[in-house]
N, C-alpha and C. Protein backbone atom coordinates (compact mmCIF):
# COMPACT_ATOMS: atom_id res chain seq x y z
N MET A 1 -1.45 -6.04 11.19
CA MET A 1 -0.57 -5.86 12.31
C MET A 1 -0.62 -7.12 13.17
N THR A 2 0.53 -7.61 13.57
CA THR A 2 0.58 -8.84 14.37
C THR A 2 0.18 -8.55 15.81
N PHE A 3 -0.08 -9.61 16.54
CA PHE A 3 -0.42 -9.48 17.95
C PHE A 3 0.71 -8.77 18.70
N SER A 4 1.92 -9.16 18.42
CA SER A 4 3.08 -8.55 19.08
C SER A 4 3.14 -7.05 18.83
N GLN A 5 2.89 -6.67 17.59
CA GLN A 5 2.90 -5.24 17.25
C GLN A 5 1.75 -4.50 17.94
N LYS A 6 0.59 -5.16 18.03
CA LYS A 6 -0.55 -4.55 18.72
C LYS A 6 -0.24 -4.32 20.19
N VAL A 7 0.37 -5.31 20.82
CA VAL A 7 0.72 -5.20 22.24
C VAL A 7 1.71 -4.04 22.44
N LYS A 8 2.74 -4.02 21.62
CA LYS A 8 3.75 -2.98 21.76
C LYS A 8 3.16 -1.58 21.53
N ARG A 9 2.35 -1.44 20.48
CA ARG A 9 1.75 -0.14 20.16
C ARG A 9 0.79 0.30 21.27
N LYS A 10 -0.09 -0.61 21.69
CA LYS A 10 -1.08 -0.26 22.70
C LYS A 10 -0.40 0.07 24.03
N ARG A 11 0.63 -0.69 24.39
CA ARG A 11 1.38 -0.41 25.63
C ARG A 11 1.99 0.98 25.54
N SER A 12 2.56 1.29 24.38
CA SER A 12 3.17 2.60 24.16
C SER A 12 2.11 3.71 24.21
N ASP A 13 0.97 3.48 23.53
CA ASP A 13 -0.11 4.47 23.51
C ASP A 13 -0.63 4.77 24.93
N LEU A 14 -0.65 3.73 25.75
CA LEU A 14 -1.13 3.90 27.13
C LEU A 14 -0.04 4.43 28.06
N GLY A 15 1.19 4.52 27.54
CA GLY A 15 2.30 5.03 28.34
C GLY A 15 2.75 4.06 29.42
N LEU A 16 2.55 2.77 29.17
CA LEU A 16 2.94 1.76 30.15
C LEU A 16 4.34 1.24 29.86
N SER A 17 5.13 1.08 30.90
CA SER A 17 6.44 0.43 30.75
C SER A 17 6.20 -1.08 30.75
N LEU A 18 7.22 -1.82 30.40
CA LEU A 18 7.11 -3.28 30.45
C LEU A 18 6.81 -3.74 31.87
N ARG A 19 7.47 -3.11 32.85
CA ARG A 19 7.25 -3.48 34.25
C ARG A 19 5.81 -3.18 34.70
N GLN A 20 5.26 -2.04 34.27
CA GLN A 20 3.89 -1.70 34.65
C GLN A 20 2.89 -2.69 34.05
N LEU A 21 3.12 -3.06 32.77
CA LEU A 21 2.23 -4.05 32.14
C LEU A 21 2.40 -5.41 32.81
N SER A 22 3.62 -5.71 33.22
CA SER A 22 3.90 -6.95 33.93
C SER A 22 3.10 -7.00 35.23
N GLU A 23 3.06 -5.89 35.96
CA GLU A 23 2.31 -5.83 37.22
C GLU A 23 0.81 -5.99 36.99
N LYS A 24 0.30 -5.44 35.88
CA LYS A 24 -1.14 -5.54 35.57
C LYS A 24 -1.54 -6.95 35.16
N THR A 25 -0.61 -7.68 34.53
CA THR A 25 -0.95 -8.99 33.95
C THR A 25 -0.42 -10.18 34.73
N GLY A 26 0.62 -9.96 35.51
CA GLY A 26 1.26 -11.09 36.19
C GLY A 26 2.22 -11.84 35.28
N ILE A 27 2.49 -11.28 34.11
CA ILE A 27 3.44 -11.87 33.16
C ILE A 27 4.77 -11.13 33.32
N SER A 28 5.86 -11.85 33.37
CA SER A 28 7.15 -11.18 33.58
C SER A 28 7.43 -10.17 32.47
N HIS A 29 8.10 -9.09 32.84
CA HIS A 29 8.41 -8.06 31.84
C HIS A 29 9.32 -8.62 30.74
N ALA A 30 10.20 -9.56 31.09
CA ALA A 30 11.08 -10.18 30.09
C ALA A 30 10.25 -10.97 29.08
N HIS A 31 9.23 -11.67 29.57
CA HIS A 31 8.37 -12.46 28.68
C HIS A 31 7.56 -11.53 27.75
N ILE A 32 7.05 -10.43 28.31
CA ILE A 32 6.31 -9.47 27.48
C ILE A 32 7.24 -8.89 26.42
N SER A 33 8.47 -8.58 26.81
CA SER A 33 9.46 -8.07 25.85
C SER A 33 9.70 -9.07 24.73
N ASP A 34 9.83 -10.34 25.09
CA ASP A 34 10.03 -11.40 24.08
C ASP A 34 8.82 -11.50 23.15
N ILE A 35 7.62 -11.36 23.70
CA ILE A 35 6.41 -11.40 22.88
C ILE A 35 6.41 -10.23 21.91
N GLU A 36 6.73 -9.04 22.40
CA GLU A 36 6.75 -7.86 21.54
C GLU A 36 7.80 -7.97 20.44
N LYS A 37 8.90 -8.66 20.73
CA LYS A 37 9.98 -8.83 19.74
C LYS A 37 9.73 -10.04 18.85
N GLU A 38 8.58 -10.71 19.06
CA GLU A 38 8.17 -11.88 18.27
C GLU A 38 9.19 -13.02 18.36
N LYS A 39 9.80 -13.17 19.54
CA LYS A 39 10.75 -14.26 19.73
C LYS A 39 10.04 -15.61 19.81
N HIS A 40 8.81 -15.59 20.31
CA HIS A 40 7.99 -16.80 20.36
C HIS A 40 6.54 -16.41 20.51
N PRO A 41 5.63 -17.27 20.06
CA PRO A 41 4.21 -16.94 20.19
C PRO A 41 3.79 -17.06 21.66
N PRO A 42 2.92 -16.17 22.12
CA PRO A 42 2.46 -16.27 23.50
C PRO A 42 1.46 -17.40 23.67
N SER A 43 1.32 -17.85 24.90
CA SER A 43 0.29 -18.85 25.20
C SER A 43 -1.07 -18.17 25.14
N PHE A 44 -2.13 -18.98 25.11
CA PHE A 44 -3.48 -18.41 25.14
C PHE A 44 -3.68 -17.61 26.43
N GLU A 45 -3.18 -18.16 27.53
CA GLU A 45 -3.34 -17.49 28.83
C GLU A 45 -2.68 -16.11 28.81
N ALA A 46 -1.44 -16.06 28.32
CA ALA A 46 -0.72 -14.78 28.26
C ALA A 46 -1.43 -13.82 27.30
N SER A 47 -1.89 -14.33 26.18
CA SER A 47 -2.59 -13.48 25.21
C SER A 47 -3.84 -12.86 25.81
N LEU A 48 -4.61 -13.67 26.53
CA LEU A 48 -5.84 -13.17 27.14
C LEU A 48 -5.54 -12.11 28.21
N LYS A 49 -4.52 -12.36 29.03
CA LYS A 49 -4.15 -11.39 30.06
C LYS A 49 -3.72 -10.07 29.42
N LEU A 50 -2.90 -10.15 28.39
CA LEU A 50 -2.43 -8.94 27.71
C LEU A 50 -3.59 -8.21 27.02
N ALA A 51 -4.46 -8.98 26.38
CA ALA A 51 -5.60 -8.38 25.68
C ALA A 51 -6.51 -7.65 26.66
N LYS A 52 -6.79 -8.27 27.80
CA LYS A 52 -7.66 -7.63 28.80
C LYS A 52 -7.00 -6.38 29.37
N ALA A 53 -5.71 -6.48 29.71
CA ALA A 53 -5.01 -5.34 30.31
C ALA A 53 -4.89 -4.18 29.34
N LEU A 54 -4.77 -4.48 28.06
CA LEU A 54 -4.57 -3.43 27.05
C LEU A 54 -5.86 -3.09 26.30
N GLU A 55 -6.97 -3.74 26.70
CA GLU A 55 -8.27 -3.53 26.07
C GLU A 55 -8.24 -3.78 24.57
N LEU A 56 -7.67 -4.93 24.20
CA LEU A 56 -7.63 -5.36 22.80
C LEU A 56 -8.78 -6.31 22.55
N ASP A 57 -9.19 -6.46 21.30
CA ASP A 57 -10.28 -7.36 20.91
C ASP A 57 -9.87 -8.80 21.18
N ILE A 58 -10.51 -9.42 22.16
CA ILE A 58 -10.12 -10.76 22.60
C ILE A 58 -10.33 -11.80 21.50
N LYS A 59 -11.42 -11.68 20.73
CA LYS A 59 -11.68 -12.65 19.66
C LYS A 59 -10.52 -12.67 18.66
N ASP A 60 -10.11 -11.49 18.21
CA ASP A 60 -8.99 -11.42 17.26
C ASP A 60 -7.71 -11.97 17.87
N ILE A 61 -7.50 -11.69 19.15
CA ILE A 61 -6.28 -12.14 19.83
C ILE A 61 -6.25 -13.66 19.90
N ILE A 62 -7.38 -14.28 20.20
CA ILE A 62 -7.42 -15.74 20.27
C ILE A 62 -7.07 -16.34 18.91
N ILE A 63 -7.66 -15.79 17.86
CA ILE A 63 -7.39 -16.31 16.51
C ILE A 63 -5.92 -16.12 16.15
N GLU A 64 -5.39 -14.92 16.41
CA GLU A 64 -3.99 -14.64 16.08
C GLU A 64 -3.04 -15.52 16.89
N THR A 65 -3.37 -15.75 18.16
CA THR A 65 -2.53 -16.61 19.00
C THR A 65 -2.53 -18.03 18.48
N TYR A 66 -3.71 -18.52 18.14
CA TYR A 66 -3.81 -19.87 17.57
C TYR A 66 -2.97 -19.97 16.29
N GLN A 67 -3.11 -18.98 15.41
CA GLN A 67 -2.35 -19.01 14.17
C GLN A 67 -0.85 -18.96 14.43
N ALA A 68 -0.43 -18.12 15.36
CA ALA A 68 1.00 -18.01 15.67
C ALA A 68 1.54 -19.32 16.23
N GLN A 69 0.79 -19.94 17.13
CA GLN A 69 1.22 -21.21 17.71
C GLN A 69 1.25 -22.30 16.65
N LEU A 70 0.25 -22.30 15.78
CA LEU A 70 0.19 -23.29 14.71
C LEU A 70 1.37 -23.11 13.75
N ARG A 71 1.65 -21.85 13.37
CA ARG A 71 2.79 -21.58 12.50
C ARG A 71 4.08 -22.10 13.13
N GLN A 72 4.26 -21.83 14.42
CA GLN A 72 5.49 -22.26 15.10
C GLN A 72 5.59 -23.78 15.10
N SER A 73 4.48 -24.45 15.38
CA SER A 73 4.48 -25.93 15.36
C SER A 73 4.81 -26.46 13.98
N LEU A 74 4.22 -25.84 12.96
CA LEU A 74 4.48 -26.29 11.59
C LEU A 74 5.92 -25.99 11.17
N MET A 75 6.44 -24.84 11.62
CA MET A 75 7.84 -24.53 11.31
C MET A 75 8.76 -25.55 11.97
N ASP A 76 8.42 -25.96 13.19
CA ASP A 76 9.20 -27.00 13.87
C ASP A 76 9.13 -28.30 13.07
N LEU A 77 7.95 -28.63 12.54
CA LEU A 77 7.79 -29.83 11.73
C LEU A 77 8.63 -29.74 10.46
N VAL A 78 8.56 -28.60 9.77
CA VAL A 78 9.33 -28.41 8.54
C VAL A 78 10.83 -28.51 8.83
N LYS A 79 11.28 -27.87 9.91
CA LYS A 79 12.70 -27.89 10.29
C LYS A 79 13.15 -29.31 10.61
N THR A 80 12.33 -30.04 11.38
CA THR A 80 12.66 -31.42 11.73
C THR A 80 12.75 -32.30 10.49
N CYS A 81 11.79 -32.14 9.58
CA CYS A 81 11.82 -32.91 8.33
C CYS A 81 13.07 -32.59 7.53
N HIS A 82 13.40 -31.31 7.46
CA HIS A 82 14.59 -30.89 6.72
C HIS A 82 15.86 -31.47 7.35
N GLU A 83 15.97 -31.36 8.66
CA GLU A 83 17.16 -31.86 9.36
C GLU A 83 17.33 -33.37 9.21
N ASN A 84 16.22 -34.08 9.11
CA ASN A 84 16.27 -35.54 9.00
C ASN A 84 16.05 -36.04 7.58
N ASN A 85 16.07 -35.10 6.63
CA ASN A 85 15.91 -35.43 5.22
C ASN A 85 14.65 -36.27 4.96
N ILE A 86 13.55 -35.83 5.57
CA ILE A 86 12.27 -36.51 5.41
C ILE A 86 11.41 -35.67 4.48
N ARG A 87 10.82 -36.31 3.49
CA ARG A 87 9.94 -35.62 2.56
C ARG A 87 8.53 -36.16 2.73
N ILE A 88 7.61 -35.27 2.95
CA ILE A 88 6.21 -35.68 3.08
C ILE A 88 5.55 -35.44 1.72
N PRO A 89 5.14 -36.51 1.04
CA PRO A 89 4.50 -36.34 -0.27
C PRO A 89 3.24 -35.48 -0.14
N TYR A 90 2.97 -34.74 -1.18
CA TYR A 90 1.83 -33.82 -1.22
C TYR A 90 0.54 -34.51 -0.80
N GLU A 91 0.29 -35.71 -1.35
CA GLU A 91 -0.96 -36.42 -1.06
C GLU A 91 -1.09 -36.72 0.43
N GLU A 92 0.03 -37.12 1.07
CA GLU A 92 0.00 -37.41 2.51
C GLU A 92 -0.23 -36.14 3.31
N TRP A 93 0.38 -35.04 2.86
CA TRP A 93 0.20 -33.77 3.55
C TRP A 93 -1.27 -33.37 3.53
N VAL A 94 -1.91 -33.50 2.36
CA VAL A 94 -3.33 -33.15 2.23
C VAL A 94 -4.19 -34.09 3.07
N LYS A 95 -3.91 -35.39 3.01
CA LYS A 95 -4.69 -36.36 3.78
C LYS A 95 -4.57 -36.15 5.28
N SER A 96 -3.44 -35.61 5.73
CA SER A 96 -3.21 -35.41 7.16
C SER A 96 -3.99 -34.22 7.72
N ASN A 97 -4.59 -33.45 6.81
CA ASN A 97 -5.33 -32.24 7.19
C ASN A 97 -4.44 -31.18 7.82
N LEU A 98 -3.14 -31.24 7.55
CA LEU A 98 -2.25 -30.20 8.04
C LEU A 98 -2.47 -28.95 7.21
N PRO A 99 -2.46 -27.78 7.84
CA PRO A 99 -2.65 -26.54 7.09
C PRO A 99 -1.55 -26.34 6.06
N MET A 100 -1.85 -25.58 5.04
CA MET A 100 -0.89 -25.37 3.96
C MET A 100 -0.05 -24.11 4.16
N GLN A 101 -0.35 -23.30 5.17
CA GLN A 101 0.41 -22.07 5.39
C GLN A 101 1.06 -22.08 6.76
N PRO A 102 2.22 -22.71 6.88
CA PRO A 102 2.84 -22.79 8.19
C PRO A 102 3.72 -21.61 8.53
N LEU A 103 3.69 -20.53 7.78
CA LEU A 103 4.69 -19.48 7.92
C LEU A 103 4.13 -18.15 8.37
N GLY A 104 5.02 -17.21 8.65
CA GLY A 104 4.66 -15.86 9.03
C GLY A 104 4.14 -15.07 7.84
N THR A 105 3.79 -13.82 8.07
CA THR A 105 3.16 -12.99 7.04
C THR A 105 4.00 -12.91 5.77
N ASP A 106 5.26 -12.48 5.87
CA ASP A 106 6.10 -12.38 4.68
C ASP A 106 6.36 -13.76 4.08
N GLU A 107 6.58 -14.73 4.97
CA GLU A 107 6.85 -16.08 4.49
C GLU A 107 5.61 -16.70 3.86
N SER A 108 4.43 -16.25 4.29
CA SER A 108 3.18 -16.77 3.72
C SER A 108 3.07 -16.46 2.24
N LYS A 109 3.59 -15.29 1.84
CA LYS A 109 3.57 -14.94 0.42
C LYS A 109 4.36 -15.97 -0.37
N ILE A 110 5.50 -16.36 0.19
CA ILE A 110 6.33 -17.39 -0.45
C ILE A 110 5.59 -18.71 -0.43
N SER A 111 5.00 -19.03 0.73
CA SER A 111 4.25 -20.28 0.86
C SER A 111 3.08 -20.32 -0.12
N ASP A 112 2.35 -19.20 -0.26
CA ASP A 112 1.22 -19.15 -1.19
C ASP A 112 1.69 -19.40 -2.62
N ALA A 113 2.79 -18.75 -3.00
CA ALA A 113 3.31 -18.91 -4.36
C ALA A 113 3.76 -20.35 -4.57
N ALA A 114 4.47 -20.90 -3.59
CA ALA A 114 4.95 -22.29 -3.70
C ALA A 114 3.77 -23.25 -3.79
N PHE A 115 2.72 -22.98 -3.00
CA PHE A 115 1.54 -23.84 -3.02
C PHE A 115 0.85 -23.80 -4.38
N LYS A 116 0.75 -22.60 -4.97
CA LYS A 116 0.14 -22.48 -6.29
C LYS A 116 0.94 -23.27 -7.32
N ILE A 117 2.27 -23.15 -7.24
CA ILE A 117 3.13 -23.89 -8.17
C ILE A 117 2.97 -25.39 -7.95
N ALA A 118 3.00 -25.81 -6.67
CA ALA A 118 2.86 -27.24 -6.36
C ALA A 118 1.51 -27.77 -6.83
N THR A 119 0.46 -27.00 -6.64
CA THR A 119 -0.89 -27.42 -7.06
C THR A 119 -0.94 -27.56 -8.58
N ALA A 120 -0.37 -26.58 -9.29
CA ALA A 120 -0.37 -26.65 -10.76
C ALA A 120 0.41 -27.87 -11.23
N LEU A 121 1.55 -28.13 -10.60
CA LEU A 121 2.34 -29.30 -10.99
C LEU A 121 1.59 -30.59 -10.67
N PHE A 122 0.96 -30.63 -9.50
CA PHE A 122 0.24 -31.83 -9.09
C PHE A 122 -0.94 -32.11 -10.02
N ASN A 123 -1.58 -31.05 -10.50
CA ASN A 123 -2.75 -31.21 -11.37
C ASN A 123 -2.40 -31.41 -12.84
N ASP A 124 -1.15 -31.23 -13.20
CA ASP A 124 -0.72 -31.42 -14.59
C ASP A 124 -0.60 -32.91 -14.88
N SER A 125 -1.39 -33.39 -15.81
CA SER A 125 -1.40 -34.84 -16.10
C SER A 125 -0.27 -35.25 -17.04
N ASN A 126 0.40 -34.29 -17.68
CA ASN A 126 1.48 -34.59 -18.61
C ASN A 126 2.79 -34.69 -17.83
N GLN A 127 3.26 -35.93 -17.60
CA GLN A 127 4.45 -36.17 -16.79
C GLN A 127 5.68 -35.47 -17.37
N PHE A 128 5.81 -35.45 -18.70
CA PHE A 128 6.95 -34.78 -19.33
C PHE A 128 6.92 -33.29 -19.01
N SER A 129 5.74 -32.70 -19.09
CA SER A 129 5.58 -31.27 -18.79
C SER A 129 5.96 -30.98 -17.34
N VAL A 130 5.53 -31.83 -16.42
CA VAL A 130 5.85 -31.66 -15.00
C VAL A 130 7.36 -31.72 -14.79
N GLU A 131 7.99 -32.72 -15.39
CA GLU A 131 9.44 -32.87 -15.23
C GLU A 131 10.19 -31.67 -15.80
N GLU A 132 9.74 -31.16 -16.95
CA GLU A 132 10.37 -29.98 -17.55
C GLU A 132 10.24 -28.76 -16.65
N LYS A 133 9.06 -28.58 -16.08
CA LYS A 133 8.83 -27.43 -15.19
C LYS A 133 9.68 -27.55 -13.92
N ILE A 134 9.73 -28.74 -13.37
CA ILE A 134 10.55 -28.95 -12.17
C ILE A 134 12.03 -28.73 -12.50
N ASN A 135 12.46 -29.22 -13.65
CA ASN A 135 13.85 -29.00 -14.05
C ASN A 135 14.16 -27.51 -14.20
N LEU A 136 13.22 -26.76 -14.76
CA LEU A 136 13.41 -25.32 -14.91
C LEU A 136 13.53 -24.64 -13.54
N LEU A 137 12.60 -24.96 -12.64
CA LEU A 137 12.64 -24.37 -11.29
C LEU A 137 13.94 -24.74 -10.57
N THR A 138 14.37 -25.98 -10.73
CA THR A 138 15.61 -26.44 -10.10
C THR A 138 16.81 -25.70 -10.67
N ALA A 139 16.85 -25.55 -11.99
CA ALA A 139 17.97 -24.85 -12.64
C ALA A 139 18.03 -23.39 -12.19
N ILE A 140 16.89 -22.74 -12.12
CA ILE A 140 16.87 -21.34 -11.69
C ILE A 140 17.33 -21.24 -10.24
N SER A 141 16.82 -22.11 -9.39
CA SER A 141 17.19 -22.08 -7.98
C SER A 141 18.67 -22.35 -7.76
N ALA A 142 19.25 -23.18 -8.60
CA ALA A 142 20.66 -23.54 -8.46
C ALA A 142 21.60 -22.51 -9.09
N SER A 143 21.05 -21.60 -9.87
CA SER A 143 21.88 -20.62 -10.57
C SER A 143 22.56 -19.66 -9.60
N SER A 144 23.82 -19.36 -9.87
CA SER A 144 24.53 -18.39 -9.04
C SER A 144 24.02 -16.98 -9.31
N ASN A 145 23.32 -16.79 -10.42
CA ASN A 145 22.72 -15.50 -10.77
C ASN A 145 21.21 -15.53 -10.58
N GLN A 146 20.78 -16.25 -9.57
CA GLN A 146 19.37 -16.51 -9.32
C GLN A 146 18.50 -15.25 -9.34
N GLY A 147 18.91 -14.22 -8.63
CA GLY A 147 18.12 -12.99 -8.56
C GLY A 147 17.93 -12.36 -9.92
N THR A 148 19.01 -12.30 -10.69
CA THR A 148 18.96 -11.71 -12.02
C THR A 148 18.07 -12.55 -12.94
N VAL A 149 18.24 -13.86 -12.86
CA VAL A 149 17.44 -14.75 -13.70
C VAL A 149 15.95 -14.58 -13.39
N TYR A 150 15.58 -14.57 -12.10
CA TYR A 150 14.18 -14.38 -11.72
C TYR A 150 13.65 -13.05 -12.24
N THR A 151 14.43 -11.99 -12.08
CA THR A 151 14.00 -10.66 -12.53
C THR A 151 13.73 -10.66 -14.03
N PHE A 152 14.67 -11.20 -14.82
CA PHE A 152 14.50 -11.22 -16.27
C PHE A 152 13.35 -12.13 -16.69
N LEU A 153 13.24 -13.28 -16.05
CA LEU A 153 12.16 -14.20 -16.40
C LEU A 153 10.80 -13.56 -16.16
N GLN A 154 10.68 -12.90 -15.04
CA GLN A 154 9.41 -12.24 -14.72
C GLN A 154 9.06 -11.22 -15.80
N ARG A 155 10.05 -10.45 -16.23
CA ARG A 155 9.81 -9.43 -17.26
C ARG A 155 9.52 -10.06 -18.63
N LEU A 156 10.05 -11.26 -18.89
CA LEU A 156 9.88 -11.91 -20.19
C LEU A 156 8.58 -12.69 -20.33
N LEU A 157 8.06 -13.20 -19.22
CA LEU A 157 6.90 -14.09 -19.30
C LEU A 157 5.67 -13.46 -19.95
N GLU A 158 5.33 -12.27 -19.56
CA GLU A 158 4.12 -11.63 -20.12
C GLU A 158 4.27 -11.36 -21.62
N PRO A 159 5.40 -10.73 -22.07
CA PRO A 159 5.52 -10.50 -23.52
C PRO A 159 5.57 -11.80 -24.33
N ILE A 160 6.17 -12.84 -23.76
CA ILE A 160 6.22 -14.12 -24.47
C ILE A 160 4.80 -14.68 -24.60
N SER A 161 4.03 -14.60 -23.55
CA SER A 161 2.65 -15.09 -23.58
C SER A 161 1.82 -14.33 -24.62
N ILE A 162 1.96 -13.00 -24.62
CA ILE A 162 1.23 -12.17 -25.59
C ILE A 162 1.68 -12.49 -27.02
N ALA A 163 3.00 -12.62 -27.20
CA ALA A 163 3.54 -12.92 -28.54
C ALA A 163 3.04 -14.28 -29.03
N CYS A 164 2.95 -15.26 -28.14
CA CYS A 164 2.45 -16.58 -28.54
C CYS A 164 1.01 -16.49 -29.02
N GLU A 165 0.21 -15.67 -28.35
CA GLU A 165 -1.18 -15.50 -28.77
C GLU A 165 -1.27 -14.82 -30.13
N LEU A 166 -0.40 -13.81 -30.35
CA LEU A 166 -0.45 -13.03 -31.59
C LEU A 166 0.24 -13.73 -32.76
N LYS A 167 1.41 -14.29 -32.51
CA LYS A 167 2.23 -14.84 -33.60
C LYS A 167 2.22 -16.36 -33.67
N GLY A 168 1.82 -17.01 -32.58
CA GLY A 168 1.87 -18.46 -32.54
C GLY A 168 3.16 -18.94 -31.87
N SER A 169 3.07 -20.09 -31.25
CA SER A 169 4.19 -20.64 -30.48
C SER A 169 5.42 -20.91 -31.33
N LEU A 170 5.23 -21.44 -32.54
CA LEU A 170 6.38 -21.79 -33.37
C LEU A 170 7.19 -20.56 -33.76
N LYS A 171 6.51 -19.50 -34.15
CA LYS A 171 7.19 -18.26 -34.54
C LYS A 171 7.94 -17.67 -33.35
N VAL A 172 7.30 -17.65 -32.19
CA VAL A 172 7.93 -17.11 -30.98
C VAL A 172 9.13 -17.97 -30.59
N ASN A 173 9.00 -19.28 -30.71
CA ASN A 173 10.10 -20.19 -30.40
C ASN A 173 11.30 -19.90 -31.30
N GLU A 174 11.05 -19.68 -32.58
CA GLU A 174 12.14 -19.34 -33.51
C GLU A 174 12.84 -18.05 -33.09
N GLU A 175 12.05 -17.03 -32.75
CA GLU A 175 12.61 -15.75 -32.35
C GLU A 175 13.39 -15.87 -31.04
N ILE A 176 12.87 -16.65 -30.11
CA ILE A 176 13.57 -16.84 -28.83
C ILE A 176 14.88 -17.57 -29.05
N ASN A 177 14.86 -18.61 -29.91
CA ASN A 177 16.11 -19.34 -30.19
C ASN A 177 17.15 -18.42 -30.83
N ARG A 178 16.70 -17.54 -31.72
CA ARG A 178 17.60 -16.58 -32.34
C ARG A 178 18.18 -15.65 -31.26
N TYR A 179 17.32 -15.20 -30.38
CA TYR A 179 17.73 -14.30 -29.29
C TYR A 179 18.73 -14.98 -28.34
N ILE A 180 18.49 -16.24 -28.05
CA ILE A 180 19.40 -17.00 -27.16
C ILE A 180 20.78 -17.11 -27.79
N LYS A 181 20.82 -17.41 -29.10
CA LYS A 181 22.10 -17.51 -29.81
C LYS A 181 22.83 -16.17 -29.74
N GLU A 182 22.10 -15.08 -29.86
CA GLU A 182 22.67 -13.75 -29.80
C GLU A 182 23.25 -13.46 -28.40
N LEU A 183 22.54 -13.89 -27.38
CA LEU A 183 23.01 -13.66 -26.02
C LEU A 183 24.29 -14.44 -25.72
N ILE A 184 24.35 -15.65 -26.20
CA ILE A 184 25.49 -16.52 -25.91
C ILE A 184 26.72 -16.10 -26.70
N SER A 185 26.53 -15.60 -27.92
CA SER A 185 27.70 -15.25 -28.75
C SER A 185 28.27 -13.91 -28.44
């Protein structure tokens, strides 16, 4: 549960209105509403006031506030880089000691998956293999049937891997080529 959700739930559990919590903390009711709606991360000062007023665990709140502020700063960095077409090479990103998860909870799942893929590509010493993998990811991402392609690929990867172990790569490749011809015709 996010800090915002904790504040909203605890305020509700205590039967406090936004205005009543505002009076207890000295934080405007509009600002508390924005925090609850996750429009922006609260400052440390606001987090501490809310935590004390609502009797929330201050240690957890400090950590969550830091993470939320850090995510927002990193999202601003990512957005600025995107808007200005700036690419930060992986090695520079690592050397800068910037965290690898600049996103929210749901977005972190995407970030984690992307990081695993990027790490695997970075650690692959076979340049041809890396280029082929990147080309595949690019082709899938550019496909107008992207969702369908991802769904089918996910379902195909495990059986292909098992078949390669049982039958060997060459035999599976022959069967896949036959299957592709069947799909296209």
